[in-house]
Amino acid sequence: MRTFAAIDIGSNSCRLKIARVVQHQLRTVFEDREVTRLGASVFETGLISPEAMANTIQALKRFHKAVQMHSVDRARCVATSAMRDARNARAFRAWVKDETGWEIEIISGLEEGRLIHHGVVSTEQGAAGRCLLMDLGGGSCEITLSEQRRIKAMVSLPLGAVRLTQEFLRSDPPAKEEVARMKQFIARELRRSARKIDTEGVKLVIATSGTAAALAEASAAMLKPSKAAKGRVKARSNAKAVPGHTATAEQVRLLADKLTKLNNEARSGVEGIGARRSEIIVAGAQVYAELLEHYDLPGFRYSPLGLRDGMLSQMLAEEDARTSAHQQFERERWAGVMELCRRYGVDPRQAEPVRAHAVQLFHDLAAVHQLPEEYELYLEAAAMLRDVGKFLNYQGHHRHAQYIIANSEVYGFTPQQRVITSAIARYLGKSRPTPEGRTMRDVPPEEHEHVKRAVVLLRLAAGLNQDRASDVLKAKARVYPRQVILELLPGRTGAELELWSLRKEAAYFREVFRRDLLVTLP
């Protein structure tokens, strides 16, 4: 049985979840969490403090022991808002690599939201309809509109509880002016997101993260007789909300206003809040209150699922094609490619024949190129996106395409995967990939040869589609020890232009694959 581990390095806390695959489904076997406040100094100075680094390293070393103890086959470690903003993120990544061997992947806010959505809707009941997901972390807040378990719209806002506390709330309890400035900032950010998020018809609101858990727990406690009044029990410092707990907009507003008037010691005594959460709960509560009021929502249901669950689900999807998670993941990735086509004016009907030929060549010439399986997806995406650069300028459009692909948000593609895809799309003109080239410097050295081979396949696929006004050509490839024969089966408009274009590729084909390319007509 395969075992996966997901490590989430957040701005407020680090979390670990280990799950084992049982009958094509994930079963959680271990969880751990540590509040490290990695983003506390980042949002003030732009740098991760040495203390926060050391605290986080200690937590990660503990996580690493757990990963080893559970014989994890694959671990993925991601970092979010604080690491996106920190100027010394590279130094911290090197430290983590040295101590644990893990490569930290810094993901964007939108990719964070996509993974959270993937983790929540795959499990939560009622998430199949039109629902809104809200995740408020230490550095950012992701709001996702989902319908039929698919993302319809998403925004990532700089409304994290740690970030807002550091930037606005200096007093204890917070001064009225501080709270007023923070609420104005929250309202401004929400107004900017209003055009993207349409909550009409939303039947369910799901909130994740520690702040949502605390508010759900405190809201439930509001409905019970006061324990403090009976003098029996002080509120638990490590209280956890029960999955499915709800909090109404009215309860959240009452809580936000109440907590704002208390000092830190008094806030820590509120049931469900606790000592560590009390330091940042005022900002978090105000964000949730403003969110519910801004979108005119009745309240939210708390879910303990989140980023880690999405990471685990994606790892399962990547390795087990028989799961529903795999199908959803592939749909999301391809939807991301098509959205980029739409944004930059690429007609999918014109790009589709190139994609189809690229896939055919990938399979027909498998014995020749010997590329890893995942390169089929990179090749397909590059085939669809190779002309996005024309949106900027036809002159040099291959360079523009590389830049757009590498620097655009494409759901389901990691930054490294985007870099590889962009490099494949880059070299369709006169230039060739070389290790010292600007594009290839960003590609991991171990992928250089793979990229060169994929480039050849895409050049052949593009060569098969020279005359877009004609009917699509068919081609048959035959592989021999010293040569590859590519036979063109022309349609009603002939294949002379394609024949000429493909024969121009023969020299580069020989250079990369050490075989002759013979292009023929029947």
Protein backbone atom coordinates (compact mmCIF):
# COMPACT_ATOMS: atom_id res chain seq x y z
CA MET A 1 0.00 0.00 0.00
CA ARG A 2 1.33 3.40 -0.99
CA THR A 3 1.70 6.00 1.75
CA PHE A 4 1.75 9.77 1.14
CA ALA A 5 2.64 12.73 3.34
CA ALA A 6 1.55 16.35 2.91
CA ILE A 7 3.46 19.12 4.70
CA ASP A 8 1.87 22.58 4.72
CA ILE A 9 4.18 25.41 5.82
CA GLY A 10 1.73 28.21 6.50
CA SER A 11 2.18 31.76 7.72
CA ASN A 12 0.78 30.87 11.14
CA SER A 13 1.38 27.15 11.56
CA CYS A 14 2.94 24.05 10.03
CA ARG A 15 0.79 20.98 9.48
CA LEU A 16 1.47 17.38 8.57
CA LYS A 17 -0.95 14.72 7.38
CA ILE A 18 0.03 11.18 6.42
CA ALA A 19 -2.40 8.95 4.56
CA ARG A 20 -2.28 5.40 3.25
CA VAL A 21 -3.98 4.23 0.05
CA VAL A 22 -6.51 1.52 0.82
CA GLN A 23 -8.63 0.22 -2.08
CA HIS A 24 -7.94 3.34 -4.16
CA GLN A 25 -8.94 5.65 -1.30
CA LEU A 26 -6.96 7.65 1.25
CA ARG A 27 -7.03 6.68 4.91
CA THR A 28 -5.41 9.10 7.38
CA VAL A 29 -2.89 7.41 9.68
CA PHE A 30 -1.17 10.39 11.34
CA GLU A 31 -1.55 14.16 11.81
CA ASP A 32 0.54 16.81 13.53
CA ARG A 33 0.50 20.59 13.83
CA GLU A 34 2.70 23.30 15.30
CA VAL A 35 2.12 27.06 15.55
CA THR A 36 5.38 28.68 14.38
CA ARG A 37 4.26 32.18 13.22
CA LEU A 38 6.57 32.04 10.20
CA GLY A 39 4.89 35.08 8.67
CA ALA A 40 4.85 37.34 11.73
CA SER A 41 8.00 39.27 10.81
CA VAL A 42 7.57 38.86 7.03
CA PHE A 43 4.49 41.06 6.91
CA GLU A 44 6.34 43.78 8.83
CA THR A 45 9.93 43.63 7.57
CA GLY A 46 9.77 41.41 4.48
CA LEU A 47 12.09 38.87 6.13
CA ILE A 48 11.54 35.63 8.04
CA SER A 49 13.03 36.14 11.49
CA PRO A 50 15.76 33.74 12.72
CA GLU A 51 13.48 32.71 15.61
CA ALA A 52 10.59 31.85 13.29
CA MET A 53 12.97 29.91 11.04
CA ALA A 54 14.34 27.94 13.98
CA ASN A 55 10.87 27.15 15.35
CA THR A 56 9.69 25.98 11.96
CA ILE A 57 12.79 23.85 11.41
CA GLN A 58 12.20 22.13 14.76
CA ALA A 59 8.63 21.33 13.78
CA LEU A 60 9.69 20.05 10.35
CA LYS A 61 12.36 17.82 11.88
CA ARG A 62 9.65 16.30 14.09
CA PHE A 63 7.45 15.85 11.03
CA HIS A 64 10.37 14.22 9.22
CA LYS A 65 10.72 11.60 11.95
CA ALA A 66 7.02 10.81 11.66
CA VAL A 67 7.34 10.48 7.89
CA GLN A 68 10.20 8.03 8.30
CA MET A 69 8.38 6.08 11.01
CA HIS A 70 5.36 5.58 8.73
CA SER A 71 7.54 4.52 5.76
CA VAL A 72 6.13 7.22 3.51
CA ASP A 73 6.64 6.56 -0.20
CA ARG A 74 6.17 10.16 -1.33
CA ALA A 75 6.16 13.44 0.57
CA ARG A 76 5.19 16.84 -0.79
CA CYS A 77 6.10 20.02 1.08
CA VAL A 78 4.47 23.33 0.11
CA ALA A 79 4.67 26.85 1.51
CA THR A 80 2.16 29.66 1.13
CA SER A 81 1.78 33.39 1.75
CA ALA A 82 4.73 34.11 4.06
CA MET A 83 7.21 32.34 1.79
CA ARG A 84 5.74 34.06 -1.26
CA ASP A 85 6.52 37.44 0.32
CA ALA A 86 9.79 36.74 2.17
CA ARG A 87 12.98 38.09 0.60
CA ASN A 88 15.03 35.44 2.41
CA ALA A 89 12.83 32.52 1.35
CA ARG A 90 15.69 30.97 -0.62
CA ALA A 91 17.89 30.75 2.47
CA PHE A 92 15.11 29.13 4.46
CA ARG A 93 14.43 26.62 1.69
CA ALA A 94 18.10 25.66 1.67
CA TRP A 95 18.02 25.16 5.46
CA VAL A 96 14.96 22.92 5.21
CA LYS A 97 16.59 20.94 2.40
CA ASP A 98 19.72 20.45 4.50
CA GLU A 99 17.81 19.30 7.60
CA THR A 100 15.10 17.14 6.04
CA GLY A 101 15.92 16.58 2.38
CA TRP A 102 12.58 18.13 1.40
CA GLU A 103 12.29 20.59 -1.46
CA ILE A 104 9.83 23.32 -0.48
CA GLU A 105 7.43 24.21 -3.26
CA ILE A 106 6.17 27.79 -2.93
CA ILE A 107 2.66 27.83 -4.42
CA SER A 108 0.59 30.83 -5.50
CA GLY A 109 -2.57 31.93 -3.74
CA LEU A 110 -4.73 30.59 -6.56
CA GLU A 111 -2.98 27.21 -6.56
CA GLU A 112 -3.44 27.13 -2.79
CA GLY A 113 -7.15 27.78 -3.29
CA ARG A 114 -7.38 25.08 -5.97
CA LEU A 115 -5.80 22.47 -3.71
CA ILE A 116 -8.06 23.43 -0.80
CA HIS A 117 -11.08 23.15 -3.09
CA HIS A 118 -9.84 19.76 -4.32
CA GLY A 119 -9.45 18.50 -0.76
CA VAL A 120 -12.81 19.80 0.51
CA VAL A 121 -15.27 19.04 -2.30
CA SER A 122 -14.02 15.48 -2.75
CA THR A 123 -15.22 14.61 0.75
CA GLU A 124 -17.71 17.17 2.12
CA GLN A 125 -21.38 16.31 1.79
CA GLY A 126 -23.45 18.88 -0.07
CA ALA A 127 -20.41 20.27 -1.90
CA ALA A 128 -21.68 18.95 -5.23
CA GLY A 129 -24.05 21.91 -5.62
CA ARG A 130 -23.26 25.60 -5.85
CA CYS A 131 -21.17 26.43 -2.79
CA LEU A 132 -18.65 28.97 -1.54
CA LEU A 133 -15.37 27.98 0.13
CA MET A 134 -13.53 30.36 2.44
CA ASP A 135 -10.08 29.63 3.80
CA LEU A 136 -8.47 32.24 6.02
CA GLY A 137 -4.85 31.52 6.83
CA GLY A 138 -2.09 33.53 8.41
CA GLY A 139 -1.15 35.51 5.30
CA SER A 140 -3.99 35.25 2.80
CA CYS A 141 -7.65 34.44 2.35
CA GLU A 142 -8.84 32.29 -0.54
CA ILE A 143 -12.48 32.52 -1.65
CA THR A 144 -13.67 29.94 -4.16
CA LEU A 145 -17.01 29.63 -5.91
CA SER A 146 -17.68 25.99 -6.75
CA GLU A 147 -20.42 24.32 -8.76
CA GLN A 148 -20.77 20.59 -9.41
CA ARG A 149 -17.38 20.17 -7.69
CA ARG A 150 -15.72 22.44 -10.27
CA ILE A 151 -14.16 25.84 -9.70
CA LYS A 152 -16.21 28.63 -11.24
CA ALA A 153 -14.26 31.57 -9.81
CA MET A 154 -11.55 32.20 -7.24
CA VAL A 155 -9.75 35.10 -5.58
CA SER A 156 -6.79 35.21 -3.21
CA LEU A 157 -6.79 38.27 -0.95
CA PRO A 158 -4.10 39.59 1.46
CA LEU A 159 -6.44 39.18 4.44
CA GLY A 160 -4.57 36.66 6.58
CA ALA A 161 -5.02 36.86 10.34
CA VAL A 162 -1.29 37.18 11.10
CA ARG A 163 -0.75 39.72 8.30
CA LEU A 164 -3.61 41.98 9.46
CA THR A 165 -2.63 41.71 13.12
CA GLN A 166 0.95 42.76 12.35
CA GLU A 167 -0.06 45.60 10.06
CA PHE A 168 -2.97 47.11 11.97
CA LEU A 169 -3.46 45.91 15.56
CA ARG A 170 -0.68 47.25 17.77
CA SER A 171 -2.58 47.76 21.03
CA ASP A 172 -4.08 45.24 23.45
CA PRO A 173 -7.02 45.44 23.34
CA PRO A 174 -6.95 47.01 19.87
CA ALA A 175 -7.70 50.74 19.70
CA LYS A 176 -10.87 51.80 17.89
CA GLU A 177 -8.86 53.63 15.24
CA GLU A 178 -6.76 50.51 14.54
CA VAL A 179 -9.85 48.35 14.10
CA ALA A 180 -11.51 50.98 11.91
CA ARG A 181 -8.47 51.16 9.60
CA MET A 182 -8.31 47.38 9.37
CA LYS A 183 -12.02 47.13 8.54
CA GLN A 184 -11.61 49.75 5.81
CA PHE A 185 -8.76 47.71 4.34
CA ILE A 186 -10.82 44.50 4.47
CA ALA A 187 -13.79 46.24 2.83
CA ARG A 188 -11.56 47.60 0.06
CA GLU A 189 -10.16 44.17 -0.76
CA LEU A 190 -13.63 42.61 -0.75
CA ARG A 191 -14.93 45.27 -3.14
CA ARG A 192 -12.12 44.40 -5.54
CA SER A 193 -13.18 40.74 -5.48
CA ALA A 194 -16.91 41.42 -5.92
CA ARG A 195 -16.73 41.30 -9.74
CA LYS A 196 -15.28 37.78 -9.72
CA ILE A 197 -17.42 36.13 -7.03
CA ASP A 198 -21.17 35.92 -7.63
CA THR A 199 -22.86 34.28 -4.63
CA GLU A 200 -26.34 34.19 -6.12
CA GLY A 201 -27.75 30.69 -5.76
CA VAL A 202 -25.12 29.57 -3.24
CA LYS A 203 -26.65 26.88 -1.04
CA LEU A 204 -23.69 26.08 1.16
CA VAL A 205 -20.80 28.07 2.65
CA ILE A 206 -17.82 26.04 3.89
CA ALA A 207 -15.05 27.61 5.96
CA THR A 208 -11.73 25.93 6.70
CA SER A 209 -8.64 26.81 8.79
CA GLY A 210 -7.99 27.32 12.49
CA THR A 211 -9.81 30.64 12.68
CA ALA A 212 -12.99 29.07 11.31
CA ALA A 213 -12.64 26.21 13.80
CA ALA A 214 -12.28 28.66 16.69
CA LEU A 215 -15.29 30.72 15.61
CA ALA A 216 -17.44 27.62 15.10
CA GLU A 217 -16.49 26.33 18.56
CA ALA A 218 -17.08 29.70 20.20
CA SER A 219 -20.40 30.11 18.38
CA ALA A 220 -21.55 26.72 19.67
CA ALA A 221 -20.48 27.72 23.19
CA MET A 222 -22.60 30.88 22.94
CA LEU A 223 -25.71 28.69 22.81
CA LYS A 224 -24.80 26.82 26.00
CA PRO A 225 -25.07 28.02 29.61
CA SER A 226 -21.98 29.98 30.60
CA LYS A 227 -19.42 27.77 32.30
CA ALA A 228 -17.66 30.82 33.64
CA ALA A 229 -20.86 31.89 35.37
CA LYS A 230 -21.06 28.53 37.10
CA GLY A 231 -17.41 28.86 38.05
CA ARG A 232 -16.61 25.35 36.97
CA VAL A 233 -14.24 25.26 34.04
CA LYS A 234 -11.91 27.62 32.32
CA ALA A 235 -12.10 27.49 28.51
CA ARG A 236 -9.89 24.91 26.89
CA SER A 237 -6.74 26.28 25.27
CA ASN A 238 -6.67 23.55 22.64
CA ALA A 239 -10.37 23.35 21.81
CA LYS A 240 -11.29 21.87 18.44
CA ALA A 241 -14.48 22.44 16.53
CA VAL A 242 -16.47 19.38 15.59
CA PRO A 243 -16.66 18.95 11.80
CA GLY A 244 -20.03 20.22 10.63
CA HIS A 245 -20.34 22.90 13.34
CA THR A 246 -21.95 26.01 11.95
CA ALA A 247 -21.70 29.68 12.78
CA THR A 248 -24.30 32.21 11.68
CA ALA A 249 -23.36 35.63 10.36
CA GLU A 250 -24.99 37.17 13.44
CA GLN A 251 -22.97 34.98 15.81
CA VAL A 252 -19.72 35.76 14.00
CA ARG A 253 -20.41 39.50 14.14
CA LEU A 254 -21.25 39.32 17.86
CA LEU A 255 -18.07 37.33 18.50
CA ALA A 256 -15.92 39.69 16.41
CA ASP A 257 -17.20 42.74 18.29
CA LYS A 258 -16.87 41.02 21.67
CA LEU A 259 -13.32 39.79 21.05
CA THR A 260 -12.23 43.20 19.79
CA LYS A 261 -13.03 44.73 23.19
CA LEU A 262 -11.07 42.13 25.20
CA ASN A 263 -7.36 42.00 25.91
CA ASN A 264 -5.33 38.94 24.96
CA GLU A 265 -5.66 37.24 28.35
CA ALA A 266 -9.43 37.62 28.35
CA ARG A 267 -9.71 36.43 24.73
CA SER A 268 -7.76 33.28 25.56
CA GLY A 269 -10.42 32.47 28.16
CA VAL A 270 -13.21 32.40 25.59
CA GLU A 271 -14.21 28.82 24.90
CA GLY A 272 -12.84 27.62 21.58
CA ILE A 273 -10.20 30.34 21.25
CA GLY A 274 -7.20 29.31 23.34
CA ALA A 275 -3.93 31.05 24.13
CA ARG A 276 -2.22 30.80 20.74
CA ARG A 277 -5.28 31.65 18.65
CA SER A 278 -6.19 34.61 20.88
CA GLU A 279 -3.22 36.63 19.56
CA ILE A 280 -4.67 36.77 16.02
CA ILE A 281 -8.37 36.00 16.49
CA VAL A 282 -9.53 39.64 16.39
CA ALA A 283 -8.30 40.09 12.81
CA GLY A 284 -9.57 36.66 11.75
CA ALA A 285 -13.01 37.18 13.28
CA GLN A 286 -13.39 40.60 11.68
CA VAL A 287 -12.50 39.18 8.25
CA TYR A 288 -15.09 36.42 8.54
CA ALA A 289 -17.74 38.87 9.81
CA GLU A 290 -17.05 41.26 6.93
CA LEU A 291 -17.01 38.40 4.42
CA LEU A 292 -20.41 37.07 5.48
CA GLU A 293 -21.93 40.54 5.51
CA HIS A 294 -20.35 41.65 2.23
CA TYR A 295 -21.68 38.64 0.33
CA ASP A 296 -24.97 38.59 2.30
CA LEU A 297 -24.40 35.02 3.49
CA PRO A 298 -26.32 33.43 6.39
CA GLY A 299 -23.21 31.84 7.95
CA PHE A 300 -20.76 29.01 7.36
CA ARG A 301 -20.19 25.34 8.11
CA TYR A 302 -16.76 24.45 9.44
CA SER A 303 -14.71 21.76 7.68
CA PRO A 304 -11.43 20.38 9.06
CA LEU A 305 -10.31 19.57 5.51
CA GLY A 306 -7.95 21.88 3.67
CA LEU A 307 -4.68 22.26 1.81
CA ARG A 308 -3.12 19.04 3.09
CA ASP A 309 -6.12 17.01 1.96
CA GLY A 310 -5.92 18.54 -1.51
CA MET A 311 -2.22 17.72 -1.73
CA LEU A 312 -2.86 14.11 -0.72
CA SER A 313 -5.76 13.81 -3.14
CA GLN A 314 -3.59 15.13 -5.96
CA MET A 315 -0.79 12.70 -5.17
CA LEU A 316 -3.32 9.87 -5.29
CA ALA A 317 -4.75 11.21 -8.56
CA GLU A 318 -1.30 11.40 -10.16
CA GLU A 319 -0.49 7.77 -9.33
CA ASP A 320 -3.85 6.00 -9.59
CA ALA A 321 -5.82 6.58 -12.79
CA ARG A 322 -8.75 4.52 -11.48
CA THR A 323 -9.78 7.07 -8.87
CA SER A 324 -12.42 9.77 -9.29
CA ALA A 325 -9.80 12.19 -7.95
CA HIS A 326 -7.67 11.46 -11.03
CA GLN A 327 -10.51 12.35 -13.38
CA GLN A 328 -11.27 15.57 -11.50
CA PHE A 329 -7.60 16.52 -11.39
CA GLU A 330 -7.16 15.99 -15.14
CA ARG A 331 -10.30 18.02 -15.87
CA GLU A 332 -8.99 20.89 -13.75
CA ARG A 333 -5.59 20.86 -15.41
CA TRP A 334 -7.01 20.87 -18.91
CA ALA A 335 -9.54 23.56 -17.96
CA GLY A 336 -6.55 25.68 -16.88
CA VAL A 337 -4.89 25.23 -20.28
CA MET A 338 -8.10 26.13 -22.13
CA GLU A 339 -8.61 29.20 -19.96
CA LEU A 340 -5.14 30.44 -20.91
CA CYS A 341 -6.00 29.87 -24.59
CA ARG A 342 -9.17 31.93 -24.17
CA ARG A 343 -7.37 34.72 -22.34
CA TYR A 344 -4.77 35.15 -25.07
CA GLY A 345 -7.00 34.70 -28.10
CA VAL A 346 -5.95 31.20 -29.21
CA ASP A 347 -8.66 29.35 -31.15
CA PRO A 348 -8.74 25.78 -29.73
CA ARG A 349 -10.12 24.47 -33.04
CA GLN A 350 -6.95 25.55 -34.82
CA ALA A 351 -4.62 24.28 -32.08
CA GLU A 352 -6.38 20.92 -31.66
CA PRO A 353 -4.92 19.19 -34.79
CA VAL A 354 -1.39 20.01 -33.59
CA ARG A 355 -2.21 18.61 -30.15
CA ALA A 356 -3.66 15.43 -31.67
CA HIS A 357 -0.61 14.88 -33.88
CA ALA A 358 1.72 15.54 -30.93
CA VAL A 359 -0.06 12.84 -28.90
CA GLN A 360 0.05 10.42 -31.82
CA LEU A 361 3.78 10.96 -32.29
CA PHE A 362 4.36 10.60 -28.54
CA HIS A 363 2.83 7.11 -28.69
CA ASP A 364 4.07 6.02 -32.11
CA LEU A 365 7.66 7.05 -31.39
CA ALA A 366 7.78 5.95 -27.74
CA ALA A 367 10.66 3.57 -28.43
CA VAL A 368 12.61 6.45 -29.94
CA HIS A 369 12.07 9.34 -27.53
CA GLN A 370 11.75 7.29 -24.28
CA LEU A 371 10.20 10.24 -22.45
CA PRO A 372 8.58 9.94 -19.01
CA GLU A 373 4.79 9.52 -19.04
CA GLU A 374 4.10 13.00 -17.70
CA TYR A 375 5.66 14.54 -20.82
CA GLU A 376 2.57 13.64 -22.80
CA LEU A 377 0.65 16.25 -20.80
CA TYR A 378 3.44 18.84 -21.16
CA LEU A 379 3.49 18.21 -24.91
CA GLU A 380 -0.30 18.55 -25.22
CA ALA A 381 -0.31 21.78 -23.23
CA ALA A 382 2.59 23.23 -25.24
CA ALA A 383 0.78 22.34 -28.48
CA MET A 384 -2.34 24.22 -27.39
CA LEU A 385 -0.46 27.22 -25.97
CA ARG A 386 2.36 27.66 -28.48
CA ASP A 387 0.66 30.67 -30.12
CA VAL A 388 -0.33 32.64 -27.00
CA GLY A 389 2.66 34.94 -27.61
CA LYS A 390 0.96 36.36 -30.71
CA PHE A 391 -1.34 38.21 -28.32
CA LEU A 392 1.63 40.49 -27.54
CA ASN A 393 3.40 40.59 -30.88
CA TYR A 394 3.76 38.26 -33.85
CA GLN A 395 7.43 39.21 -34.02
CA GLY A 396 9.21 36.97 -31.53
CA HIS A 397 5.96 35.28 -30.51
CA HIS A 398 7.75 32.07 -29.46
CA ARG A 399 9.69 34.01 -26.82
CA HIS A 400 6.50 35.75 -25.70
CA ALA A 401 4.70 32.40 -25.48
CA GLN A 402 7.44 31.00 -23.26
CA TYR A 403 7.18 33.96 -20.90
CA ILE A 404 3.38 33.83 -20.71
CA ILE A 405 3.22 30.08 -20.03
CA ALA A 406 5.98 30.14 -17.42
CA ASN A 407 4.50 33.09 -15.54
CA SER A 408 0.75 32.43 -15.79
CA GLU A 409 -1.42 30.61 -13.31
CA VAL A 410 -2.41 27.26 -14.84
CA TYR A 411 -4.42 25.14 -12.39
CA GLY A 412 -2.73 21.85 -11.56
CA PHE A 413 0.66 22.78 -13.02
CA THR A 414 3.48 23.42 -10.57
CA PRO A 415 5.94 26.25 -11.37
CA GLN A 416 8.47 23.66 -12.55
CA GLN A 417 5.90 21.98 -14.79
CA ARG A 418 5.01 25.36 -16.31
CA VAL A 419 8.69 26.07 -16.95
CA ILE A 420 9.10 22.72 -18.74
CA THR A 421 5.94 23.25 -20.80
CA SER A 422 7.01 26.79 -21.71
CA ALA A 423 10.43 25.56 -22.83
CA ILE A 424 8.83 22.97 -25.15
CA ALA A 425 6.65 25.70 -26.70
CA ARG A 426 9.59 28.11 -26.98
CA TYR A 427 11.72 26.35 -29.59
CA LEU A 428 9.45 26.15 -32.62
CA GLY A 429 11.32 28.77 -34.62
CA LYS A 430 14.97 28.91 -35.66
CA SER A 431 16.49 28.66 -32.18
CA ARG A 432 17.28 25.40 -30.38
CA PRO A 433 17.44 24.56 -26.67
CA THR A 434 20.94 24.88 -25.22
CA PRO A 435 21.99 24.63 -21.55
CA GLU A 436 23.30 28.21 -21.52
CA GLY A 437 20.13 29.65 -23.08
CA ARG A 438 17.97 31.94 -20.94
CA THR A 439 14.96 29.61 -21.08
CA MET A 440 16.85 26.41 -20.35
CA ARG A 441 18.63 27.94 -17.34
CA ASP A 442 15.30 27.75 -15.51
CA VAL A 443 14.74 24.09 -16.47
CA PRO A 444 16.26 21.56 -14.02
CA PRO A 445 19.42 20.08 -15.61
CA GLU A 446 18.06 16.54 -15.37
CA GLU A 447 15.14 17.59 -17.61
CA HIS A 448 17.23 19.18 -20.40
CA GLU A 449 17.43 16.08 -22.58
CA HIS A 450 13.73 15.36 -22.07
CA VAL A 451 12.82 18.89 -23.17
CA LYS A 452 14.95 18.59 -26.32
CA ARG A 453 13.18 15.37 -27.30
CA ALA A 454 9.74 16.83 -26.63
CA VAL A 455 10.65 19.90 -28.71
CA VAL A 456 11.38 17.65 -31.70
CA LEU A 457 7.99 15.95 -31.38
CA LEU A 458 6.17 19.29 -31.21
CA ARG A 459 8.09 20.62 -34.20
CA LEU A 460 6.99 17.57 -36.19
CA ALA A 461 3.38 18.00 -35.04
CA ALA A 462 3.46 21.66 -36.08
CA GLY A 463 5.02 20.66 -39.41
CA LEU A 464 2.07 18.34 -40.06
CA ASN A 465 -0.27 21.33 -39.81
CA GLN A 466 1.14 23.96 -42.14
CA ASP A 467 -2.00 24.70 -44.13
CA ARG A 468 -4.80 25.21 -41.62
CA ALA A 469 -7.33 25.78 -44.40
CA SER A 470 -6.85 22.23 -45.66
CA ASP A 471 -8.27 19.06 -44.19
CA VAL A 472 -6.17 17.54 -41.43
CA LEU A 473 -3.47 15.18 -42.63
CA LYS A 474 -3.05 11.66 -41.42
CA ALA A 475 0.38 10.24 -40.79
CA LYS A 476 1.84 6.81 -40.08
CA ALA A 477 5.17 6.33 -38.33
CA ARG A 478 7.33 3.23 -38.64
CA VAL A 479 10.37 2.83 -36.38
CA TYR A 480 13.50 0.99 -37.44
CA PRO A 481 16.88 0.66 -35.65
CA ARG A 482 18.55 3.37 -37.72
CA GLN A 483 15.68 5.38 -39.13
CA VAL A 484 12.10 6.51 -38.70
CA ILE A 485 9.79 6.63 -41.69
CA LEU A 486 6.92 9.10 -41.49
CA GLU A 487 4.38 8.47 -44.24
CA LEU A 488 1.91 11.27 -44.96
CA LEU A 489 -1.58 10.42 -46.14
CA PRO A 490 -2.77 13.63 -47.80
CA GLY A 491 -6.36 14.69 -47.98
CA ARG A 492 -8.09 16.40 -50.86
CA THR A 493 -5.72 19.42 -50.80
CA GLY A 494 -2.44 17.54 -50.92
CA ALA A 495 0.52 17.59 -48.54
CA GLU A 496 3.35 19.33 -50.38
CA LEU A 497 3.76 22.14 -47.84
CA GLU A 498 3.82 19.71 -44.92
CA LEU A 499 6.28 17.45 -46.75
CA TRP A 500 8.62 20.39 -47.29
CA SER A 501 8.30 21.52 -43.63
CA LEU A 502 8.92 18.07 -42.16
CA ARG A 503 11.97 17.37 -44.30
CA LYS A 504 13.51 20.53 -42.88
CA GLU A 505 13.32 18.88 -39.45
CA ALA A 506 15.31 15.81 -40.48
CA ALA A 507 18.72 17.21 -39.50
CA TYR A 508 17.59 18.18 -35.98
CA PHE A 509 15.79 14.85 -35.62
CA ARG A 510 19.06 13.05 -36.40
CA GLU A 511 20.99 15.26 -33.97
CA VAL A 512 18.65 14.49 -31.06
CA PHE A 513 17.66 10.87 -31.70
CA ARG A 514 20.66 9.57 -33.67
CA ARG A 515 18.33 8.21 -36.37
CA ASP A 516 17.43 9.35 -39.85
CA LEU A 517 13.97 10.76 -40.49
CA LEU A 518 12.50 9.87 -43.87
CA VAL A 519 9.25 11.64 -44.79
CA THR A 520 7.33 10.11 -47.70
CA LEU A 521 4.06 10.22 -49.60
CA PRO A 522 2.29 7.02 -50.70
